[in-house]
């Protein structure tokens, strides 16, 4: 098992979806004054480890709003097949460009309410327990943000379809650690967006 010092995970930000329920490019929706994908990417960069963004639908426009950030871009040519294909494209890029990566932390561009602390906590647990799989639970469902150690890469790199890595999380249940979160709700519809915007605009409680 690698030492804590040698662990070097990579963050994979999935931003390839068409947003059919949203009615357009939700990656570009305004969240607190900036495109949603840029907000999430900036937050992930705070972890100070490599970030790879997977684009697909609206790739030119999505890449244009993040191309000044210190991250890598990869396009998924099969993005229409669903999140599994985007995840496979991203993990294949991780294996190619970061061959010694200890894990991949999968994040979604449509979860803008998550703070950097959620990702840093998961990364810290990876340092403590490098063989574990981690996922986030919301409304009884387990999914991203999720962290998969290196021995899951081959399985991730051949995924396809709309369910992402759900079957892999179920298969790895014996070593799965789950984090509960109330801030992980996806922005799937215009109503979701309005709710998120209202939450961010609400006055913050005094410390």
Protein backbone atom coordinates (compact mmCIF):
# COMPACT_ATOMS: atom_id res chain seq x y z
CA UNK A 1 0.00 0.00 0.00
CA UNK A 2 1.38 3.47 -0.86
CA UNK A 3 2.34 5.77 1.94
CA UNK A 4 0.20 8.83 2.70
CA UNK A 5 3.00 11.02 1.38
CA UNK A 6 2.99 9.35 -2.04
CA UNK A 7 -0.77 9.51 -2.62
CA UNK A 8 -1.59 11.68 -5.63
CA UNK A 9 -5.28 11.70 -6.58
CA UNK A 10 -6.71 13.53 -9.59
CA UNK A 11 -10.07 15.34 -9.73
CA UNK A 12 -12.39 14.59 -12.65
CA UNK A 13 -15.10 17.18 -13.31
CA UNK A 14 -17.87 15.92 -15.60
CA UNK A 15 -19.41 18.72 -17.68
CA UNK A 16 -20.47 16.92 -20.86
CA UNK A 17 -24.25 16.62 -20.52
CA UNK A 18 -26.86 18.06 -22.84
CA UNK A 19 -29.15 19.28 -20.06
CA UNK A 20 -32.31 17.96 -21.70
CA UNK A 21 -34.46 18.45 -18.58
CA UNK A 22 -32.91 21.87 -18.04
CA UNK A 23 -33.61 22.94 -21.61
CA UNK A 24 -30.06 23.88 -22.65
CA UNK A 25 -26.49 24.29 -21.50
CA UNK A 26 -26.86 24.25 -17.75
CA UNK A 27 -23.07 24.24 -17.44
CA UNK A 28 -23.26 27.92 -18.45
CA UNK A 29 -26.15 28.87 -16.15
CA UNK A 30 -25.42 31.85 -13.93
CA UNK A 31 -24.57 30.92 -10.35
CA UNK A 32 -23.76 33.87 -8.14
CA UNK A 33 -22.41 35.87 -11.07
CA UNK A 34 -20.45 33.26 -13.02
CA UNK A 35 -21.11 30.20 -15.18
CA UNK A 36 -21.88 27.14 -13.07
CA UNK A 37 -19.06 25.03 -14.53
CA UNK A 38 -16.52 27.76 -13.81
CA UNK A 39 -17.71 28.13 -10.22
CA UNK A 40 -17.33 24.40 -9.57
CA UNK A 41 -13.97 24.21 -11.37
CA UNK A 42 -12.53 27.10 -9.36
CA UNK A 43 -13.64 25.47 -6.13
CA UNK A 44 -12.06 22.15 -7.09
CA UNK A 45 -8.77 23.85 -7.93
CA UNK A 46 -8.56 24.92 -4.28
CA UNK A 47 -7.64 21.31 -3.48
CA UNK A 48 -4.28 21.99 -5.21
CA UNK A 49 -4.24 18.72 -7.17
CA UNK A 50 -4.73 18.17 -10.92
CA UNK A 51 -8.22 18.80 -12.31
CA UNK A 52 -9.46 17.34 -15.61
CA UNK A 53 -12.75 18.60 -17.08
CA UNK A 54 -14.71 16.36 -19.45
CA UNK A 55 -16.77 18.28 -22.00
CA UNK A 56 -19.17 17.05 -24.66
CA UNK A 57 -22.40 18.87 -25.46
CA UNK A 58 -21.73 22.60 -25.98
CA UNK A 59 -18.01 21.81 -25.70
CA UNK A 60 -16.78 24.99 -27.38
CA UNK A 61 -18.88 27.25 -25.15
CA UNK A 62 -18.12 25.32 -21.96
CA UNK A 63 -14.39 25.26 -22.63
CA UNK A 64 -14.41 28.99 -23.43
CA UNK A 65 -15.47 29.94 -19.90
CA UNK A 66 -12.78 27.85 -18.16
CA UNK A 67 -9.87 27.86 -20.60
CA UNK A 68 -7.94 30.41 -18.51
CA UNK A 69 -7.97 28.14 -15.47
CA UNK A 70 -5.03 25.80 -14.70
CA UNK A 71 -6.78 22.55 -15.62
CA UNK A 72 -6.86 19.96 -18.39
CA UNK A 73 -9.69 19.49 -20.89
CA UNK A 74 -10.82 16.31 -22.59
CA UNK A 75 -13.78 15.95 -24.94
CA UNK A 76 -16.03 12.91 -24.79
CA UNK A 77 -17.10 12.04 -28.32
CA UNK A 78 -19.79 9.67 -27.01
CA UNK A 79 -21.34 12.09 -24.52
CA UNK A 80 -24.82 11.33 -25.90
CA UNK A 81 -24.58 7.85 -24.35
CA UNK A 82 -24.68 9.26 -20.84
CA UNK A 83 -22.56 9.90 -17.78
CA UNK A 84 -20.88 6.49 -17.94
CA UNK A 85 -19.26 7.39 -21.24
CA UNK A 86 -18.08 10.77 -19.95
CA UNK A 87 -16.64 9.12 -16.86
CA UNK A 88 -14.87 6.50 -18.98
CA UNK A 89 -13.35 9.19 -21.20
CA UNK A 90 -12.13 11.12 -18.18
CA UNK A 91 -10.63 8.13 -16.40
CA UNK A 92 -8.90 7.04 -19.61
CA UNK A 93 -7.33 10.51 -19.74
CA UNK A 94 -6.25 10.22 -16.11
CA UNK A 95 -4.58 6.87 -16.86
CA UNK A 96 -2.80 8.39 -19.86
CA UNK A 97 -1.64 11.69 -18.38
CA UNK A 98 -1.27 10.78 -14.69
CA UNK A 99 -0.16 7.12 -14.78
CA UNK A 100 0.74 7.14 -11.08
CA UNK A 101 -2.51 8.67 -9.82
CA UNK A 102 -3.64 6.98 -6.62
CA UNK A 103 -7.34 7.74 -7.11
CA UNK A 104 -9.86 9.77 -9.06
CA UNK A 105 -12.33 12.05 -7.33
CA UNK A 106 -15.41 12.42 -9.55
CA UNK A 107 -17.34 15.70 -9.34
CA UNK A 108 -20.26 17.05 -11.34
CA UNK A 109 -20.56 20.50 -12.89
CA UNK A 110 -24.21 20.73 -11.86
CA UNK A 111 -23.64 20.58 -8.09
CA UNK A 112 -22.69 24.23 -7.44
CA UNK A 113 -23.87 24.35 -3.83
CA UNK A 114 -21.12 22.04 -2.63
CA UNK A 115 -18.30 23.83 -0.87
CA UNK A 116 -14.61 23.06 -1.13
CA UNK A 117 -14.69 21.51 2.35
CA UNK A 118 -16.70 18.53 1.09
CA UNK A 119 -14.00 17.64 -1.44
CA UNK A 120 -11.12 18.30 0.93
CA UNK A 121 -12.72 16.02 3.53
CA UNK A 122 -12.99 13.18 1.01
CA UNK A 123 -9.40 13.67 -0.11
CA UNK A 124 -8.22 13.65 3.50
CA UNK A 125 -10.04 10.36 4.09
CA UNK A 126 -8.29 8.97 1.02
CA UNK A 127 -4.95 9.82 2.60
CA UNK A 128 -6.02 8.01 5.76
CA UNK A 129 -7.61 5.00 4.03
CA UNK A 130 -6.21 4.77 0.47
CA UNK A 131 -7.94 1.50 -0.35
CA UNK A 132 -11.47 2.73 0.39
CA UNK A 133 -14.15 3.88 -2.04
CA UNK A 134 -16.03 7.04 -1.04
CA UNK A 135 -19.39 8.39 -2.20
CA UNK A 136 -21.90 11.05 -1.21
CA UNK A 137 -25.45 10.24 -0.17
CA UNK A 138 -28.43 12.50 -0.76
CA UNK A 139 -32.09 11.50 -0.48
CA UNK A 140 -31.08 7.86 -0.09
CA UNK A 141 -29.01 7.79 -3.30
CA UNK A 142 -25.24 7.31 -3.43
CA UNK A 143 -23.17 9.03 -6.09
CA UNK A 144 -20.80 11.91 -6.87
CA UNK A 145 -18.81 13.42 -5.44
CA UNK A 146 -17.21 10.01 -5.27
CA UNK A 147 -13.63 8.83 -4.99
CA UNK A 148 -12.35 5.62 -6.53
CA UNK A 149 -8.87 4.23 -5.80
CA UNK A 150 -6.54 3.17 -8.57
CA UNK A 151 -7.66 -0.44 -8.68
CA UNK A 152 -11.09 0.75 -9.93
CA UNK A 153 -9.67 2.59 -12.96
CA UNK A 154 -9.98 -0.29 -15.42
CA UNK A 155 -13.65 -0.79 -14.55
CA UNK A 156 -14.36 2.95 -14.79
CA UNK A 157 -12.62 3.26 -18.16
CA UNK A 158 -15.09 0.88 -19.85
CA UNK A 159 -18.32 2.36 -18.49
CA UNK A 160 -21.14 3.49 -20.75
CA UNK A 161 -24.77 4.50 -20.41
CA UNK A 162 -26.66 6.94 -18.20
CA UNK A 163 -26.10 5.38 -14.76
CA UNK A 164 -22.47 6.34 -14.35
CA UNK A 165 -20.62 4.30 -11.75
CA UNK A 166 -23.68 3.27 -9.71
CA UNK A 167 -23.16 -0.44 -10.36
CA UNK A 168 -19.49 -0.15 -9.38
CA UNK A 169 -20.42 1.52 -6.09
CA UNK A 170 -22.78 -1.36 -5.38
CA UNK A 171 -20.11 -3.90 -6.27
CA UNK A 172 -17.62 -2.23 -3.94
CA UNK A 173 -20.07 -1.97 -1.04
CA UNK A 174 -17.74 -3.85 1.32
CA UNK A 175 -15.18 -1.04 1.23
CA UNK A 176 -17.53 1.88 0.55
CA UNK A 177 -17.65 4.81 2.96
CA UNK A 178 -20.54 7.22 2.54
CA UNK A 179 -20.70 10.93 3.34
CA UNK A 180 -24.14 12.47 3.90
CA UNK A 181 -24.73 15.92 2.42
CA UNK A 182 -27.64 18.32 2.07
CA UNK A 183 -25.78 20.46 -0.49
CA UNK A 184 -25.26 17.86 -3.22
CA UNK A 185 -28.56 18.31 -5.10
CA UNK A 186 -28.06 18.44 -8.87
CA UNK A 187 -29.28 21.34 -10.98
CA UNK A 188 -31.48 19.38 -13.39
CA UNK A 189 -34.28 21.87 -14.10
CA UNK A 190 -34.87 25.61 -14.29
CA UNK A 191 -36.67 25.34 -10.94
CA UNK A 192 -33.57 23.73 -9.40
CA UNK A 193 -31.54 26.66 -10.70
CA UNK A 194 -33.90 29.24 -9.23
CA UNK A 195 -33.78 27.44 -5.88
CA UNK A 196 -29.98 27.39 -5.89
CA UNK A 197 -29.78 31.05 -6.85
CA UNK A 198 -32.16 31.96 -4.03
CA UNK A 199 -30.13 29.99 -1.49
CA UNK A 200 -26.93 31.73 -2.54
CA UNK A 201 -28.59 35.15 -2.47
CA UNK A 202 -30.04 34.68 1.02
CA UNK A 203 -28.35 36.61 3.84
CA UNK A 204 -25.67 34.55 5.54
CA UNK A 205 -26.05 34.03 9.32
CA UNK A 206 -23.56 35.87 11.47
CA UNK A 207 -20.81 33.69 12.94
